[in-house]
Amino acid sequence: MRKDESTTGTAEEPGFRHGVYRKSELAMLYFPYAGKKQAMANLNRWIRRCDGLHEALSHADGLKTRRFFLRPEVELIVKFLGEP
């Protein structure tokens, strides 16, 4: 049995998993051909330009100083921007 198969023998759907992501890691998923700094700048620009997302994330405690997005924040980002 392959590693990605469950006990029923069917392969799991590959795709994006909601969870905790380093900011740079999530940015690189959205912008895979950009360097880390450029990917972060691009994601930050998208977040600032999406008023609803920017407003929702502005209420997150310590987001500016953290190096990661929590699962609820990732879910908001995916809700507004779509899956990477």
N, C-alpha and C. Protein backbone atom coordinates (compact mmCIF):
# COMPACT_ATOMS: atom_id res chain seq x y z
N MET A 1 0.85 -1.18 0.00
CA MET A 1 0.00 0.00 0.00
C MET A 1 0.89 1.24 0.00
N ARG A 2 0.55 2.17 -0.87
CA ARG A 2 1.30 3.43 -0.92
C ARG A 2 1.02 4.26 0.32
N LYS A 3 1.93 5.15 0.61
CA LYS A 3 1.82 5.99 1.81
C LYS A 3 0.59 6.90 1.76
N ASP A 4 0.15 7.33 0.56
CA ASP A 4 -0.98 8.25 0.47
C ASP A 4 -2.32 7.54 0.33
N GLU A 5 -2.33 6.23 0.52
CA GLU A 5 -3.58 5.49 0.45
C GLU A 5 -4.10 5.20 1.86
N SER A 6 -5.40 5.27 2.01
CA SER A 6 -6.00 4.94 3.31
C SER A 6 -6.18 3.43 3.38
N THR A 7 -6.76 2.96 4.47
CA THR A 7 -6.96 1.53 4.64
C THR A 7 -7.98 0.97 3.66
N THR A 8 -8.81 1.81 3.06
CA THR A 8 -9.78 1.35 2.07
C THR A 8 -9.14 1.19 0.70
N GLY A 9 -7.91 1.67 0.54
CA GLY A 9 -7.21 1.50 -0.72
C GLY A 9 -7.37 2.65 -1.68
N THR A 10 -8.11 3.67 -1.32
CA THR A 10 -8.26 4.82 -2.21
C THR A 10 -7.23 5.86 -1.88
N ALA A 11 -6.73 6.52 -2.89
CA ALA A 11 -5.73 7.57 -2.67
C ALA A 11 -6.41 8.81 -2.12
N GLU A 12 -5.75 9.48 -1.19
CA GLU A 12 -6.28 10.73 -0.65
C GLU A 12 -6.18 11.81 -1.71
N GLU A 13 -7.10 12.74 -1.67
CA GLU A 13 -7.07 13.87 -2.59
C GLU A 13 -5.91 14.78 -2.23
N PRO A 14 -5.00 14.98 -3.16
CA PRO A 14 -3.94 15.95 -2.85
C PRO A 14 -4.51 17.35 -2.88
N GLY A 15 -3.97 18.22 -2.09
CA GLY A 15 -4.49 19.58 -2.09
C GLY A 15 -4.01 20.35 -0.90
N PHE A 16 -4.56 21.51 -0.77
CA PHE A 16 -4.17 22.43 0.28
C PHE A 16 -4.79 22.01 1.60
N ARG A 17 -3.98 21.99 2.65
CA ARG A 17 -4.48 21.66 3.99
C ARG A 17 -4.52 22.92 4.83
N HIS A 18 -5.63 23.14 5.49
CA HIS A 18 -5.77 24.28 6.40
C HIS A 18 -5.03 23.94 7.68
N GLY A 19 -4.19 24.82 8.13
CA GLY A 19 -3.43 24.61 9.35
C GLY A 19 -2.56 25.83 9.62
N VAL A 20 -1.60 25.67 10.50
CA VAL A 20 -0.67 26.73 10.81
C VAL A 20 0.43 26.74 9.75
N TYR A 21 0.70 27.91 9.20
CA TYR A 21 1.74 28.06 8.18
C TYR A 21 2.64 29.22 8.55
N ARG A 22 3.94 29.06 8.32
CA ARG A 22 4.83 30.21 8.39
C ARG A 22 4.37 31.17 7.31
N LYS A 23 4.47 32.45 7.57
CA LYS A 23 4.02 33.44 6.58
C LYS A 23 4.74 33.25 5.26
N SER A 24 6.04 33.02 5.32
CA SER A 24 6.81 32.83 4.09
C SER A 24 6.39 31.57 3.36
N GLU A 25 6.05 30.52 4.09
CA GLU A 25 5.62 29.27 3.48
C GLU A 25 4.31 29.45 2.73
N LEU A 26 3.35 30.13 3.36
CA LEU A 26 2.07 30.37 2.70
C LEU A 26 2.25 31.28 1.49
N ALA A 27 3.08 32.31 1.64
CA ALA A 27 3.35 33.22 0.52
C ALA A 27 3.96 32.47 -0.66
N MET A 28 4.86 31.54 -0.39
CA MET A 28 5.49 30.77 -1.46
C MET A 28 4.50 29.82 -2.13
N LEU A 29 3.46 29.40 -1.41
CA LEU A 29 2.42 28.57 -2.04
C LEU A 29 1.61 29.41 -3.03
N TYR A 30 1.36 30.67 -2.69
CA TYR A 30 0.62 31.55 -3.59
C TYR A 30 1.49 32.05 -4.74
N PHE A 31 2.77 32.22 -4.49
CA PHE A 31 3.69 32.76 -5.50
C PHE A 31 4.92 31.85 -5.61
N PRO A 32 4.75 30.65 -6.18
CA PRO A 32 5.84 29.67 -6.17
C PRO A 32 7.07 30.07 -7.00
N TYR A 33 6.92 30.96 -7.95
CA TYR A 33 8.06 31.32 -8.80
C TYR A 33 8.75 32.59 -8.33
N ALA A 34 8.29 33.16 -7.24
CA ALA A 34 8.92 34.36 -6.69
C ALA A 34 9.89 33.94 -5.58
N GLY A 35 10.84 34.78 -5.30
CA GLY A 35 11.70 34.56 -4.15
C GLY A 35 10.90 34.77 -2.87
N LYS A 36 11.48 34.37 -1.75
CA LYS A 36 10.76 34.44 -0.48
C LYS A 36 10.32 35.87 -0.15
N LYS A 37 11.22 36.83 -0.28
CA LYS A 37 10.88 38.22 0.06
C LYS A 37 9.81 38.77 -0.88
N GLN A 38 9.94 38.49 -2.17
CA GLN A 38 8.96 38.98 -3.13
C GLN A 38 7.60 38.31 -2.93
N ALA A 39 7.60 37.03 -2.63
CA ALA A 39 6.34 36.32 -2.36
C ALA A 39 5.64 36.92 -1.14
N MET A 40 6.41 37.23 -0.09
CA MET A 40 5.83 37.85 1.10
C MET A 40 5.26 39.22 0.76
N ALA A 41 5.99 40.01 0.00
CA ALA A 41 5.51 41.34 -0.39
C ALA A 41 4.23 41.22 -1.21
N ASN A 42 4.19 40.27 -2.13
CA ASN A 42 3.00 40.08 -2.97
C ASN A 42 1.79 39.67 -2.13
N LEU A 43 1.98 38.72 -1.21
CA LEU A 43 0.86 38.28 -0.37
C LEU A 43 0.38 39.42 0.52
N ASN A 44 1.31 40.16 1.09
CA ASN A 44 0.91 41.31 1.92
C ASN A 44 0.13 42.34 1.10
N ARG A 45 0.54 42.56 -0.13
CA ARG A 45 -0.17 43.50 -1.00
C ARG A 45 -1.58 42.99 -1.28
N TRP A 46 -1.72 41.71 -1.57
CA TRP A 46 -3.06 41.14 -1.82
C TRP A 46 -3.94 41.31 -0.59
N ILE A 47 -3.38 41.05 0.58
CA ILE A 47 -4.16 41.16 1.82
C ILE A 47 -4.60 42.61 2.05
N ARG A 48 -3.70 43.56 1.85
CA ARG A 48 -4.05 44.97 2.04
C ARG A 48 -5.11 45.44 1.05
N ARG A 49 -5.08 44.93 -0.17
CA ARG A 49 -6.03 45.36 -1.20
C ARG A 49 -7.40 44.71 -1.07
N CYS A 50 -7.49 43.64 -0.31
CA CYS A 50 -8.77 42.96 -0.09
C CYS A 50 -9.33 43.48 1.23
N ASP A 51 -10.22 44.47 1.14
CA ASP A 51 -10.71 45.18 2.33
C ASP A 51 -11.29 44.25 3.39
N GLY A 52 -12.12 43.30 2.99
CA GLY A 52 -12.73 42.39 3.96
C GLY A 52 -11.70 41.54 4.68
N LEU A 53 -10.74 41.04 3.93
CA LEU A 53 -9.68 40.22 4.52
C LEU A 53 -8.79 41.06 5.43
N HIS A 54 -8.40 42.23 4.96
CA HIS A 54 -7.55 43.11 5.76
C HIS A 54 -8.24 43.47 7.07
N GLU A 55 -9.50 43.77 7.00
CA GLU A 55 -10.27 44.11 8.21
C GLU A 55 -10.33 42.92 9.16
N ALA A 56 -10.61 41.74 8.64
CA ALA A 56 -10.72 40.55 9.49
C ALA A 56 -9.38 40.21 10.14
N LEU A 57 -8.29 40.34 9.40
CA LEU A 57 -6.98 40.01 9.95
C LEU A 57 -6.46 41.09 10.90
N SER A 58 -6.97 42.30 10.78
CA SER A 58 -6.50 43.38 11.64
C SER A 58 -6.89 43.16 13.10
N HIS A 59 -7.85 42.28 13.34
CA HIS A 59 -8.29 41.99 14.71
C HIS A 59 -7.50 40.84 15.34
N ALA A 60 -6.62 40.21 14.59
CA ALA A 60 -5.83 39.10 15.11
C ALA A 60 -4.75 39.61 16.05
N ASP A 61 -4.65 39.01 17.21
CA ASP A 61 -3.66 39.44 18.21
C ASP A 61 -2.25 39.07 17.77
N GLY A 62 -1.37 40.06 17.76
CA GLY A 62 0.05 39.82 17.51
C GLY A 62 0.41 39.41 16.10
N LEU A 63 -0.49 39.56 15.15
CA LEU A 63 -0.22 39.09 13.79
C LEU A 63 0.99 39.78 13.17
N LYS A 64 1.16 41.05 13.45
CA LYS A 64 2.29 41.79 12.85
C LYS A 64 3.64 41.28 13.34
N THR A 65 3.70 40.82 14.56
CA THR A 65 4.99 40.38 15.10
C THR A 65 5.22 38.88 14.98
N ARG A 66 4.17 38.12 14.70
CA ARG A 66 4.30 36.67 14.54
C ARG A 66 4.90 36.32 13.19
N ARG A 67 5.54 35.17 13.12
CA ARG A 67 6.11 34.69 11.86
C ARG A 67 5.22 33.64 11.21
N PHE A 68 4.03 33.45 11.74
CA PHE A 68 3.14 32.43 11.21
C PHE A 68 1.69 32.88 11.25
N PHE A 69 0.88 32.23 10.41
CA PHE A 69 -0.57 32.42 10.42
C PHE A 69 -1.19 31.24 11.14
N LEU A 70 -2.11 31.50 12.05
CA LEU A 70 -2.86 30.44 12.71
C LEU A 70 -3.91 29.88 11.76
N ARG A 71 -4.44 28.72 12.09
CA ARG A 71 -5.42 28.06 11.22
C ARG A 71 -6.61 28.97 10.87
N PRO A 72 -7.23 29.67 11.85
CA PRO A 72 -8.36 30.54 11.49
C PRO A 72 -7.96 31.65 10.52
N GLU A 73 -6.74 32.14 10.64
CA GLU A 73 -6.26 33.18 9.73
C GLU A 73 -6.04 32.62 8.33
N VAL A 74 -5.49 31.40 8.27
CA VAL A 74 -5.30 30.74 6.97
C VAL A 74 -6.66 30.50 6.32
N GLU A 75 -7.64 30.08 7.11
CA GLU A 75 -8.98 29.85 6.57
C GLU A 75 -9.58 31.14 6.01
N LEU A 76 -9.35 32.27 6.68
CA LEU A 76 -9.82 33.56 6.17
C LEU A 76 -9.13 33.91 4.86
N ILE A 77 -7.82 33.72 4.82
CA ILE A 77 -7.06 34.03 3.61
C ILE A 77 -7.57 33.20 2.44
N VAL A 78 -7.79 31.91 2.67
CA VAL A 78 -8.28 31.03 1.60
C VAL A 78 -9.70 31.41 1.21
N LYS A 79 -10.52 31.82 2.17
CA LYS A 79 -11.90 32.22 1.88
C LYS A 79 -11.91 33.43 0.93
N PHE A 80 -11.04 34.41 1.18
CA PHE A 80 -11.04 35.62 0.38
C PHE A 80 -10.18 35.51 -0.89
N LEU A 81 -9.07 34.80 -0.83
CA LEU A 81 -8.16 34.74 -1.97
C LEU A 81 -8.22 33.45 -2.76
N GLY A 82 -8.87 32.45 -2.20
CA GLY A 82 -8.90 31.15 -2.84
C GLY A 82 -7.70 30.32 -2.42
N GLU A 83 -7.71 29.03 -2.76
CA GLU A 83 -6.59 28.16 -2.41
C GLU A 83 -5.38 28.50 -3.25
N PRO A 84 -4.20 28.36 -2.67
CA PRO A 84 -2.98 28.64 -3.45
C PRO A 84 -2.77 27.57 -4.53
